[in-house]
Amino acid sequence: MNEGEVSKRIDDLHRRFDDLRADVGRRLDDLKAEMGARFSASDRRIDDLRTDMNQRFADMSQKLTTFMWIVSAWFTFLTAVLAVFGFLRR
């Protein structure tokens, strides 16, 4: 091989590497866009789930508070009834 042919092949390799670099860069940009779309969809679903869970916890808290007041009222009522029956038996 002569120097001209070697130089031509080296130039051809440089061109191929530039094409390959551009192709890899394009594919990486496409991959970044796709991953960004997927992550954004996941973030949106997580935000929706968090909102739904917050509402459920608020509802559960309200139910437990109501239950606590009902149980407290029943214990107060039963204590009063037992006290009345205790006084009536004497």
PDB file of N, CA and C in Angstrom:
ATOM      1  N   MET A   1       0.851  -1.175   0.000  1.00  0.00           N
ATOM      2  CA  MET A   1       0.000   0.000   0.000  1.00  0.00           C
ATOM      3  C   MET A   1       0.890   1.229   0.000  1.00  0.00           C
ATOM      4  N   ASN A   2       0.414   2.210  -0.708  1.00  0.00           N
ATOM      5  CA  ASN A   2       1.195   3.443  -0.732  1.00  0.00           C
ATOM      6  C   ASN A   2       0.604   4.455   0.246  1.00  0.00           C
ATOM      7  N   GLU A   3       1.337   5.520   0.422  1.00  0.00           N
ATOM      8  CA  GLU A   3       0.924   6.528   1.405  1.00  0.00           C
ATOM      9  C   GLU A   3      -0.411   7.163   1.066  1.00  0.00           C
ATOM     10  N   GLY A   4      -0.691   7.370  -0.189  1.00  0.00           N
ATOM     11  CA  GLY A   4      -1.949   7.987  -0.613  1.00  0.00           C
ATOM     12  C   GLY A   4      -3.147   7.136  -0.251  1.00  0.00           C
ATOM     13  N   GLU A   5      -2.986   5.832  -0.455  1.00  0.00           N
ATOM     14  CA  GLU A   5      -4.085   4.924  -0.136  1.00  0.00           C
ATOM     15  C   GLU A   5      -4.297   4.832   1.376  1.00  0.00           C
ATOM     16  N   VAL A   6      -3.234   4.791   2.151  1.00  0.00           N
ATOM     17  CA  VAL A   6      -3.327   4.758   3.609  1.00  0.00           C
ATOM     18  C   VAL A   6      -3.984   6.040   4.110  1.00  0.00           C
ATOM     19  N   SER A   7      -3.574   7.170   3.576  1.00  0.00           N
ATOM     20  CA  SER A   7      -4.157   8.452   3.969  1.00  0.00           C
ATOM     21  C   SER A   7      -5.642   8.485   3.640  1.00  0.00           C
ATOM     22  N   LYS A   8      -6.007   7.943   2.459  1.00  0.00           N
ATOM     23  CA  LYS A   8      -7.425   7.921   2.063  1.00  0.00           C
ATOM     24  C   LYS A   8      -8.229   7.043   3.023  1.00  0.00           C
ATOM     25  N   ARG A   9      -7.662   5.889   3.396  1.00  0.00           N
ATOM     26  CA  ARG A   9      -8.366   4.988   4.325  1.00  0.00           C
ATOM     27  C   ARG A   9      -8.499   5.621   5.710  1.00  0.00           C
ATOM     28  N   ILE A  10      -7.485   6.312   6.168  1.00  0.00           N
ATOM     29  CA  ILE A  10      -7.558   6.994   7.459  1.00  0.00           C
ATOM     30  C   ILE A  10      -8.612   8.088   7.425  1.00  0.00           C
ATOM     31  N   ASP A  11      -8.657   8.847   6.336  1.00  0.00           N
ATOM     32  CA  ASP A  11      -9.698   9.869   6.185  1.00  0.00           C
ATOM     33  C   ASP A  11     -11.079   9.228   6.163  1.00  0.00           C
ATOM     34  N   ASP A  12     -11.184   8.085   5.489  1.00  0.00           N
ATOM     35  CA  ASP A  12     -12.456   7.365   5.446  1.00  0.00           C
ATOM     36  C   ASP A  12     -12.850   6.916   6.854  1.00  0.00           C
ATOM     37  N   LEU A  13     -11.883   6.436   7.651  1.00  0.00           N
ATOM     38  CA  LEU A  13     -12.173   6.047   9.035  1.00  0.00           C
ATOM     39  C   LEU A  13     -12.645   7.239   9.868  1.00  0.00           C
ATOM     40  N   HIS A  14     -11.999   8.376   9.678  1.00  0.00           N
ATOM     41  CA  HIS A  14     -12.416   9.581  10.404  1.00  0.00           C
ATOM     42  C   HIS A  14     -13.854   9.953  10.041  1.00  0.00           C
ATOM     43  N   ARG A  15     -14.187   9.848   8.764  1.00  0.00           N
ATOM     44  CA  ARG A  15     -15.553  10.165   8.322  1.00  0.00           C
ATOM     45  C   ARG A  15     -16.541   9.184   8.944  1.00  0.00           C
ATOM     46  N   ARG A  16     -16.176   7.902   8.947  1.00  0.00           N
ATOM     47  CA  ARG A  16     -17.057   6.894   9.539  1.00  0.00           C
ATOM     48  C   ARG A  16     -17.245   7.123  11.039  1.00  0.00           C
ATOM     49  N   PHE A  17     -16.158   7.471  11.718  1.00  0.00           N
ATOM     50  CA  PHE A  17     -16.271   7.774  13.145  1.00  0.00           C
ATOM     51  C   PHE A  17     -17.162   8.993  13.377  1.00  0.00           C
ATOM     52  N   ASP A  18     -17.050  10.009  12.554  1.00  0.00           N
ATOM     53  CA  ASP A  18     -17.915  11.187  12.682  1.00  0.00           C
ATOM     54  C   ASP A  18     -19.378  10.805  12.461  1.00  0.00           C
ATOM     55  N   ASP A  19     -19.626   9.966  11.427  1.00  0.00           N
ATOM     56  CA  ASP A  19     -20.992   9.501  11.177  1.00  0.00           C
ATOM     57  C   ASP A  19     -21.512   8.674  12.356  1.00  0.00           C
ATOM     58  N   LEU A  20     -20.654   7.806  12.870  1.00  0.00           N
ATOM     59  CA  LEU A  20     -21.041   6.977  14.006  1.00  0.00           C
ATOM     60  C   LEU A  20     -21.320   7.832  15.238  1.00  0.00           C
ATOM     61  N   ARG A  21     -20.464   8.817  15.495  1.00  0.00           N
ATOM     62  CA  ARG A  21     -20.654   9.715  16.626  1.00  0.00           C
ATOM     63  C   ARG A  21     -21.987  10.470  16.493  1.00  0.00           C
ATOM     64  N   ALA A  22     -22.294  10.945  15.283  1.00  0.00           N
ATOM     65  CA  ALA A  22     -23.554  11.665  15.055  1.00  0.00           C
ATOM     66  C   ALA A  22     -24.747  10.730  15.265  1.00  0.00           C
ATOM     67  N   ASP A  23     -24.621   9.487  14.777  1.00  0.00           N
ATOM     68  CA  ASP A  23     -25.708   8.517  14.929  1.00  0.00           C
ATOM     69  C   ASP A  23     -25.933   8.174  16.401  1.00  0.00           C
ATOM     70  N   VAL A  24     -24.865   7.954  17.138  1.00  0.00           N
ATOM     71  CA  VAL A  24     -24.986   7.655  18.570  1.00  0.00           C
ATOM     72  C   VAL A  24     -25.595   8.848  19.299  1.00  0.00           C
ATOM     73  N   GLY A  25     -25.157  10.051  18.958  1.00  0.00           N
ATOM     74  CA  GLY A  25     -25.724  11.251  19.578  1.00  0.00           C
ATOM     75  C   GLY A  25     -27.211  11.375  19.311  1.00  0.00           C
ATOM     76  N   ARG A  26     -27.641  11.080  18.084  1.00  0.00           N
ATOM     77  CA  ARG A  26     -29.055  11.139  17.723  1.00  0.00           C
ATOM     78  C   ARG A  26     -29.849  10.105  18.517  1.00  0.00           C
ATOM     79  N   ARG A  27     -29.301   8.901  18.595  1.00  0.00           N
ATOM     80  CA  ARG A  27     -29.996   7.844  19.337  1.00  0.00           C
ATOM     81  C   ARG A  27     -30.088   8.171  20.827  1.00  0.00           C
ATOM     82  N   LEU A  28     -29.025   8.736  21.370  1.00  0.00           N
ATOM     83  CA  LEU A  28     -29.072   9.126  22.781  1.00  0.00           C
ATOM     84  C   LEU A  28     -30.105  10.223  23.025  1.00  0.00           C
ATOM     85  N   ASP A  29     -30.204  11.175  22.098  1.00  0.00           N
ATOM     86  CA  ASP A  29     -31.224  12.223  22.239  1.00  0.00           C
ATOM     87  C   ASP A  29     -32.624  11.629  22.186  1.00  0.00           C
ATOM     88  N   ASP A  30     -32.835  10.653  21.277  1.00  0.00           N
ATOM     89  CA  ASP A  30     -34.138   9.984  21.208  1.00  0.00           C
ATOM     90  C   ASP A  30     -34.427   9.227  22.500  1.00  0.00           C
ATOM     91  N   LEU A  31     -33.399   8.558  23.024  1.00  0.00           N
ATOM     92  CA  LEU A  31     -33.564   7.815  24.270  1.00  0.00           C
ATOM     93  C   LEU A  31     -33.876   8.754  25.434  1.00  0.00           C
ATOM     94  N   LYS A  32     -33.190   9.892  25.492  1.00  0.00           N
ATOM     95  CA  LYS A  32     -33.464  10.871  26.557  1.00  0.00           C
ATOM     96  C   LYS A  32     -34.901  11.365  26.474  1.00  0.00           C
ATOM     97  N   ALA A  33     -35.376  11.637  25.251  1.00  0.00           N
ATOM     98  CA  ALA A  33     -36.757  12.106  25.086  1.00  0.00           C
ATOM     99  C   ALA A  33     -37.752  11.041  25.520  1.00  0.00           C
ATOM    100  N   GLU A  34     -37.495   9.785  25.147  1.00  0.00           N
ATOM    101  CA  GLU A  34     -38.403   8.702  25.525  1.00  0.00           C
ATOM    102  C   GLU A  34     -38.406   8.488  27.034  1.00  0.00           C
ATOM    103  N   MET A  35     -37.226   8.495  27.637  1.00  0.00           N
ATOM    104  CA  MET A  35     -37.152   8.318  29.087  1.00  0.00           C
ATOM    105  C   MET A  35     -37.801   9.494  29.813  1.00  0.00           C
ATOM    106  N   GLY A  36     -37.627  10.689  29.290  1.00  0.00           N
ATOM    107  CA  GLY A  36     -38.275  11.852  29.889  1.00  0.00           C
ATOM    108  C   GLY A  36     -39.787  11.719  29.863  1.00  0.00           C
ATOM    109  N   ALA A  37     -40.328  11.225  28.745  1.00  0.00           N
ATOM    110  CA  ALA A  37     -41.775  11.031  28.643  1.00  0.00           C
ATOM    111  C   ALA A  37     -42.240   9.962  29.638  1.00  0.00           C
ATOM    112  N   ARG A  38     -41.484   8.874  29.744  1.00  0.00           N
ATOM    113  CA  ARG A  38     -41.874   7.809  30.672  1.00  0.00           C
ATOM    114  C   ARG A  38     -41.800   8.276  32.122  1.00  0.00           C
ATOM    115  N   PHE A  39     -40.728   8.990  32.466  1.00  0.00           N
ATOM    116  CA  PHE A  39     -40.610   9.480  33.833  1.00  0.00           C
ATOM    117  C   PHE A  39     -41.690  10.503  34.146  1.00  0.00           C
ATOM    118  N   SER A  40     -42.025  11.322  33.180  1.00  0.00           N
ATOM    119  CA  SER A  40     -43.068  12.321  33.427  1.00  0.00           C
ATOM    120  C   SER A  40     -44.416  11.633  33.644  1.00  0.00           C
ATOM    121  N   ALA A  41     -44.691  10.563  32.877  1.00  0.00           N
ATOM    122  CA  ALA A  41     -45.938   9.813  33.078  1.00  0.00           C
ATOM    123  C   ALA A  41     -45.934   9.151  34.456  1.00  0.00           C
ATOM    124  N   SER A  42     -44.794   8.595  34.870  1.00  0.00           N
ATOM    125  CA  SER A  42     -44.699   7.971  36.196  1.00  0.00           C
ATOM    126  C   SER A  42     -44.875   9.011  37.297  1.00  0.00           C
ATOM    127  N   ASP A  43     -44.250  10.160  37.125  1.00  0.00           N
ATOM    128  CA  ASP A  43     -44.395  11.227  38.122  1.00  0.00           C
ATOM    129  C   ASP A  43     -45.852  11.661  38.248  1.00  0.00           C
ATOM    130  N   ARG A  44     -46.541  11.757  37.117  1.00  0.00           N
ATOM    131  CA  ARG A  44     -47.947  12.159  37.134  1.00  0.00           C
ATOM    132  C   ARG A  44     -48.783  11.111  37.867  1.00  0.00           C
ATOM    133  N   ARG A  45     -48.516   9.822  37.596  1.00  0.00           N
ATOM    134  CA  ARG A  45     -49.276   8.765  38.276  1.00  0.00           C
ATOM    135  C   ARG A  45     -48.984   8.761  39.773  1.00  0.00           C
ATOM    136  N   ILE A  46     -47.736   8.989  40.152  1.00  0.00           N
ATOM    137  CA  ILE A  46     -47.386   9.028  41.576  1.00  0.00           C
ATOM    138  C   ILE A  46     -48.070  10.213  42.255  1.00  0.00           C
ATOM    139  N   ASP A  47     -48.118  11.361  41.586  1.00  0.00           N
ATOM    140  CA  ASP A  47     -48.811  12.518  42.161  1.00  0.00           C
ATOM    141  C   ASP A  47     -50.301  12.233  42.328  1.00  0.00           C
ATOM    142  N   ASP A  48     -50.912  11.566  41.339  1.00  0.00           N
ATOM    143  CA  ASP A  48     -52.326  11.209  41.450  1.00  0.00           C
ATOM    144  C   ASP A  48     -52.541  10.235  42.614  1.00  0.00           C
ATOM    145  N   LEU A  49     -51.648   9.262  42.741  1.00  0.00           N
ATOM    146  CA  LEU A  49     -51.751   8.297  43.825  1.00  0.00           C
ATOM    147  C   LEU A  49     -51.587   8.981  45.175  1.00  0.00           C
ATOM    148  N   ARG A  50     -50.634   9.904  45.266  1.00  0.00           N
ATOM    149  CA  ARG A  50     -50.395  10.625  46.524  1.00  0.00           C
ATOM    150  C   ARG A  50     -51.637  11.434  46.905  1.00  0.00           C
ATOM    151  N   THR A  51     -52.263  12.092  45.937  1.00  0.00           N
ATOM    152  CA  THR A  51     -53.479  12.872  46.203  1.00  0.00           C
ATOM    153  C   THR A  51     -54.599  11.954  46.702  1.00  0.00           C
ATOM    154  N   ASP A  52     -54.747  10.793  46.033  1.00  0.00           N
ATOM    155  CA  ASP A  52     -55.787   9.844  46.429  1.00  0.00           C
ATOM    156  C   ASP A  52     -55.518   9.299  47.835  1.00  0.00           C
ATOM    157  N   MET A  53     -54.251   8.981  48.123  1.00  0.00           N
ATOM    158  CA  MET A  53     -53.914   8.461  49.445  1.00  0.00           C
ATOM    159  C   MET A  53     -54.123   9.510  50.526  1.00  0.00           C
ATOM    160  N   ASN A  54     -53.787  10.755  50.255  1.00  0.00           N
ATOM    161  CA  ASN A  54     -54.006  11.817  51.237  1.00  0.00           C
ATOM    162  C   ASN A  54     -55.493  11.938  51.567  1.00  0.00           C
ATOM    163  N   GLN A  55     -56.347  11.837  50.538  1.00  0.00           N
ATOM    164  CA  GLN A  55     -57.791  11.917  50.764  1.00  0.00           C
ATOM    165  C   GLN A  55     -58.256  10.723  51.595  1.00  0.00           C
ATOM    166  N   ARG A  56     -57.732   9.543  51.294  1.00  0.00           N
ATOM    167  CA  ARG A  56     -58.127   8.354  52.058  1.00  0.00           C
ATOM    168  C   ARG A  56     -57.688   8.455  53.515  1.00  0.00           C
ATOM    169  N   PHE A  57     -56.466   8.966  53.743  1.00  0.00           N
ATOM    170  CA  PHE A  57     -56.011   9.140  55.123  1.00  0.00           C
ATOM    171  C   PHE A  57     -56.857  10.173  55.856  1.00  0.00           C
ATOM    172  N   ALA A  58     -57.250  11.227  55.173  1.00  0.00           N
ATOM    173  CA  ALA A  58     -58.111  12.235  55.796  1.00  0.00           C
ATOM    174  C   ALA A  58     -59.470  11.622  56.148  1.00  0.00           C
ATOM    175  N   ASP A  59     -60.028  10.822  55.238  1.00  0.00           N
ATOM    176  CA  ASP A  59     -61.302  10.154  55.514  1.00  0.00           C
ATOM    177  C   ASP A  59     -61.179   9.189  56.689  1.00  0.00           C
ATOM    178  N   MET A  60     -60.070   8.429  56.713  1.00  0.00           N
ATOM    179  CA  MET A  60     -59.862   7.481  57.813  1.00  0.00           C
ATOM    180  C   MET A  60     -59.701   8.215  59.138  1.00  0.00           C
ATOM    181  N   SER A  61     -59.001   9.321  59.129  1.00  0.00           N
ATOM    182  CA  SER A  61     -58.836  10.111  60.342  1.00  0.00           C
ATOM    183  C   SER A  61     -60.185  10.609  60.849  1.00  0.00           C
ATOM    184  N   GLN A  62     -61.040  11.060  59.939  1.00  0.00           N
ATOM    185  CA  GLN A  62     -62.368  11.536  60.329  1.00  0.00           C
ATOM    186  C   GLN A  62     -63.193  10.396  60.917  1.00  0.00           C
ATOM    187  N   LYS A  63     -63.112   9.208  60.309  1.00  0.00           N
ATOM    188  CA  LYS A  63     -63.861   8.060  60.828  1.00  0.00           C
ATOM    189  C   LYS A  63     -63.364   7.654  62.218  1.00  0.00           C
ATOM    190  N   LEU A  64     -62.048   7.661  62.400  1.00  0.00           N
ATOM    191  CA  LEU A  64     -61.507   7.301  63.712  1.00  0.00           C
ATOM    192  C   LEU A  64     -61.879   8.328  64.771  1.00  0.00           C
ATOM    193  N   THR A  65     -61.885   9.606  64.404  1.00  0.00           N
ATOM    194  CA  THR A  65     -62.292  10.642  65.346  1.00  0.00           C
ATOM    195  C   THR A  65     -63.757  10.463  65.735  1.00  0.00           C
ATOM    196  N   THR A  66     -64.602  10.187  64.755  1.00  0.00           N
ATOM    197  CA  THR A  66     -66.024   9.957  65.031  1.00  0.00           C
ATOM    198  C   THR A  66     -66.200   8.725  65.920  1.00  0.00           C
ATOM    199  N   PHE A  67     -65.469   7.654  65.599  1.00  0.00           N
ATOM    200  CA  PHE A  67     -65.545   6.438  66.410  1.00  0.00           C
ATOM    201  C   PHE A  67     -65.109   6.700  67.846  1.00  0.00           C
ATOM    202  N   MET A  68     -64.042   7.490  68.011  1.00  0.00           N
ATOM    203  CA  MET A  68     -63.554   7.811  69.355  1.00  0.00           C
ATOM    204  C   MET A  68     -64.628   8.554  70.153  1.00  0.00           C
ATOM    205  N   TRP A  69     -65.305   9.518  69.519  1.00  0.00           N
ATOM    206  CA  TRP A  69     -66.350  10.264  70.219  1.00  0.00           C
ATOM    207  C   TRP A  69     -67.543   9.371  70.568  1.00  0.00           C
ATOM    208  N   ILE A  70     -67.897   8.462  69.674  1.00  0.00           N
ATOM    209  CA  ILE A  70     -69.023   7.553  69.946  1.00  0.00           C
ATOM    210  C   ILE A  70     -68.682   6.629  71.117  1.00  0.00           C
ATOM    211  N   VAL A  71     -67.480   6.062  71.114  1.00  0.00           N
ATOM    212  CA  VAL A  71     -67.072   5.172  72.209  1.00  0.00           C
ATOM    213  C   VAL A  71     -67.014   5.947  73.524  1.00  0.00           C
ATOM    214  N   SER A  72     -66.476   7.163  73.488  1.00  0.00           N
ATOM    215  CA  SER A  72     -66.420   7.984  74.706  1.00  0.00           C
ATOM    216  C   SER A  72     -67.817   8.287  75.222  1.00  0.00           C
ATOM    217  N   ALA A  73     -68.733   8.588  74.318  1.00  0.00           N
ATOM    218  CA  ALA A  73     -70.115   8.882  74.725  1.00  0.00           C
ATOM    219  C   ALA A  73     -70.761   7.644  75.341  1.00  0.00           C
ATOM    220  N   TRP A  74     -70.530   6.470  74.744  1.00  0.00           N
ATOM    221  CA  TRP A  74     -71.103   5.241  75.284  1.00  0.00           C
ATOM    222  C   TRP A  74     -70.536   4.933  76.667  1.00  0.00           C
ATOM    223  N   PHE A  75     -69.228   5.104  76.867  1.00  0.00           N
ATOM    224  CA  PHE A  75     -68.660   4.852  78.187  1.00  0.00           C
ATOM    225  C   PHE A  75     -69.230   5.833  79.208  1.00  0.00           C
ATOM    226  N   THR A  76     -69.402   7.069  78.814  1.00  0.00           N
ATOM    227  CA  THR A  76     -69.991   8.064  79.722  1.00  0.00           C
ATOM    228  C   THR A  76     -71.426   7.674  80.062  1.00  0.00           C
ATOM    229  N   PHE A  77     -72.192   7.275  79.042  1.00  0.00           N
ATOM    230  CA  PHE A  77     -73.579   6.866  79.250  1.00  0.00           C
ATOM    231  C   PHE A  77     -73.649   5.635  80.165  1.00  0.00           C
ATOM    232  N   LEU A  78     -72.813   4.633  79.882  1.00  0.00           N
ATOM    233  CA  LEU A  78     -72.826   3.425  80.718  1.00  0.00           C
ATOM    234  C   LEU A  78     -72.404   3.724  82.155  1.00  0.00           C
ATOM    235  N   THR A  79     -71.429   4.593  82.333  1.00  0.00           N
ATOM    236  CA  THR A  79     -71.010   4.978  83.675  1.00  0.00           C
ATOM    237  C   THR A  79     -72.148   5.666  84.407  1.00  0.00           C
ATOM    238  N   ALA A  80     -72.846   6.559  83.722  1.00  0.00           N
ATOM    239  CA  ALA A  80     -73.977   7.255  84.339  1.00  0.00           C
ATOM    240  C   ALA A  80     -75.090   6.272  84.697  1.00  0.00           C
ATOM    241  N   VAL A  81     -75.386   5.324  83.789  1.00  0.00           N
ATOM    242  CA  VAL A  81     -76.440   4.339  84.050  1.00  0.00           C
ATOM    243  C   VAL A  81     -76.058   3.467  85.243  1.00  0.00           C
ATOM    244  N   LEU A  82     -74.815   3.009  85.291  1.00  0.00           N
ATOM    245  CA  LEU A  82     -74.374   2.192  86.434  1.00  0.00           C
ATOM    246  C   LEU A  82     -74.412   2.990  87.729  1.00  0.00           C
ATOM    247  N   ALA A  83     -74.074   4.263  87.687  1.00  0.00           N
ATOM    248  CA  ALA A  83     -74.129   5.092  88.884  1.00  0.00           C
ATOM    249  C   ALA A  83     -75.573   5.252  89.342  1.00  0.00           C
ATOM    250  N   VAL A  84     -76.487   5.459  88.417  1.00  0.00           N
ATOM    251  CA  VAL A  84     -77.911   5.602  88.769  1.00  0.00           C
ATOM    252  C   VAL A  84     -78.426   4.308  89.368  1.00  0.00           C
ATOM    253  N   PHE A  85     -78.145   3.182  88.742  1.00  0.00           N
ATOM    254  CA  PHE A  85     -78.607   1.894  89.282  1.00  0.00           C
ATOM    255  C   PHE A  85     -77.961   1.588  90.630  1.00  0.00           C
ATOM    256  N   GLY A  86     -76.722   2.048  90.806  1.00  0.00           N
ATOM    257  CA  GLY A  86     -76.056   1.859  92.095  1.00  0.00           C
ATOM    258  C   GLY A  86     -76.758   2.642  93.190  1.00  0.00           C
ATOM    259  N   PHE A  87     -77.210   3.878  92.890  1.00  0.00           N
ATOM    260  CA  PHE A  87     -77.933   4.660  93.878  1.00  0.00           C
ATOM    261  C   PHE A  87     -79.335   4.108  94.109  1.00  0.00           C
ATOM    262  N   LEU A  88     -79.954   3.577  93.101  1.00  0.00           N
ATOM    263  CA  LEU A  88     -81.313   3.046  93.253  1.00  0.00           C
ATOM    264  C   LEU A  88     -81.353   1.762  94.057  1.00  0.00           C
ATOM    265  N   ARG A  89     -80.307   0.983  94.034  1.00  0.00           N
ATOM    266  CA  ARG A  89     -80.271  -0.294  94.760  1.00  0.00           C
ATOM    267  C   ARG A  89     -80.121  -0.095  96.259  1.00  0.00           C
ATOM    268  N   ARG A  90     -79.673   1.051  96.699  1.00  0.00           N
ATOM    269  CA  ARG A  90     -79.434   1.247  98.137  1.00  0.00           C
ATOM    270  C   ARG A  90     -80.674   1.531  98.872  1.00  0.00           C
TER     271      ARG A  90
END
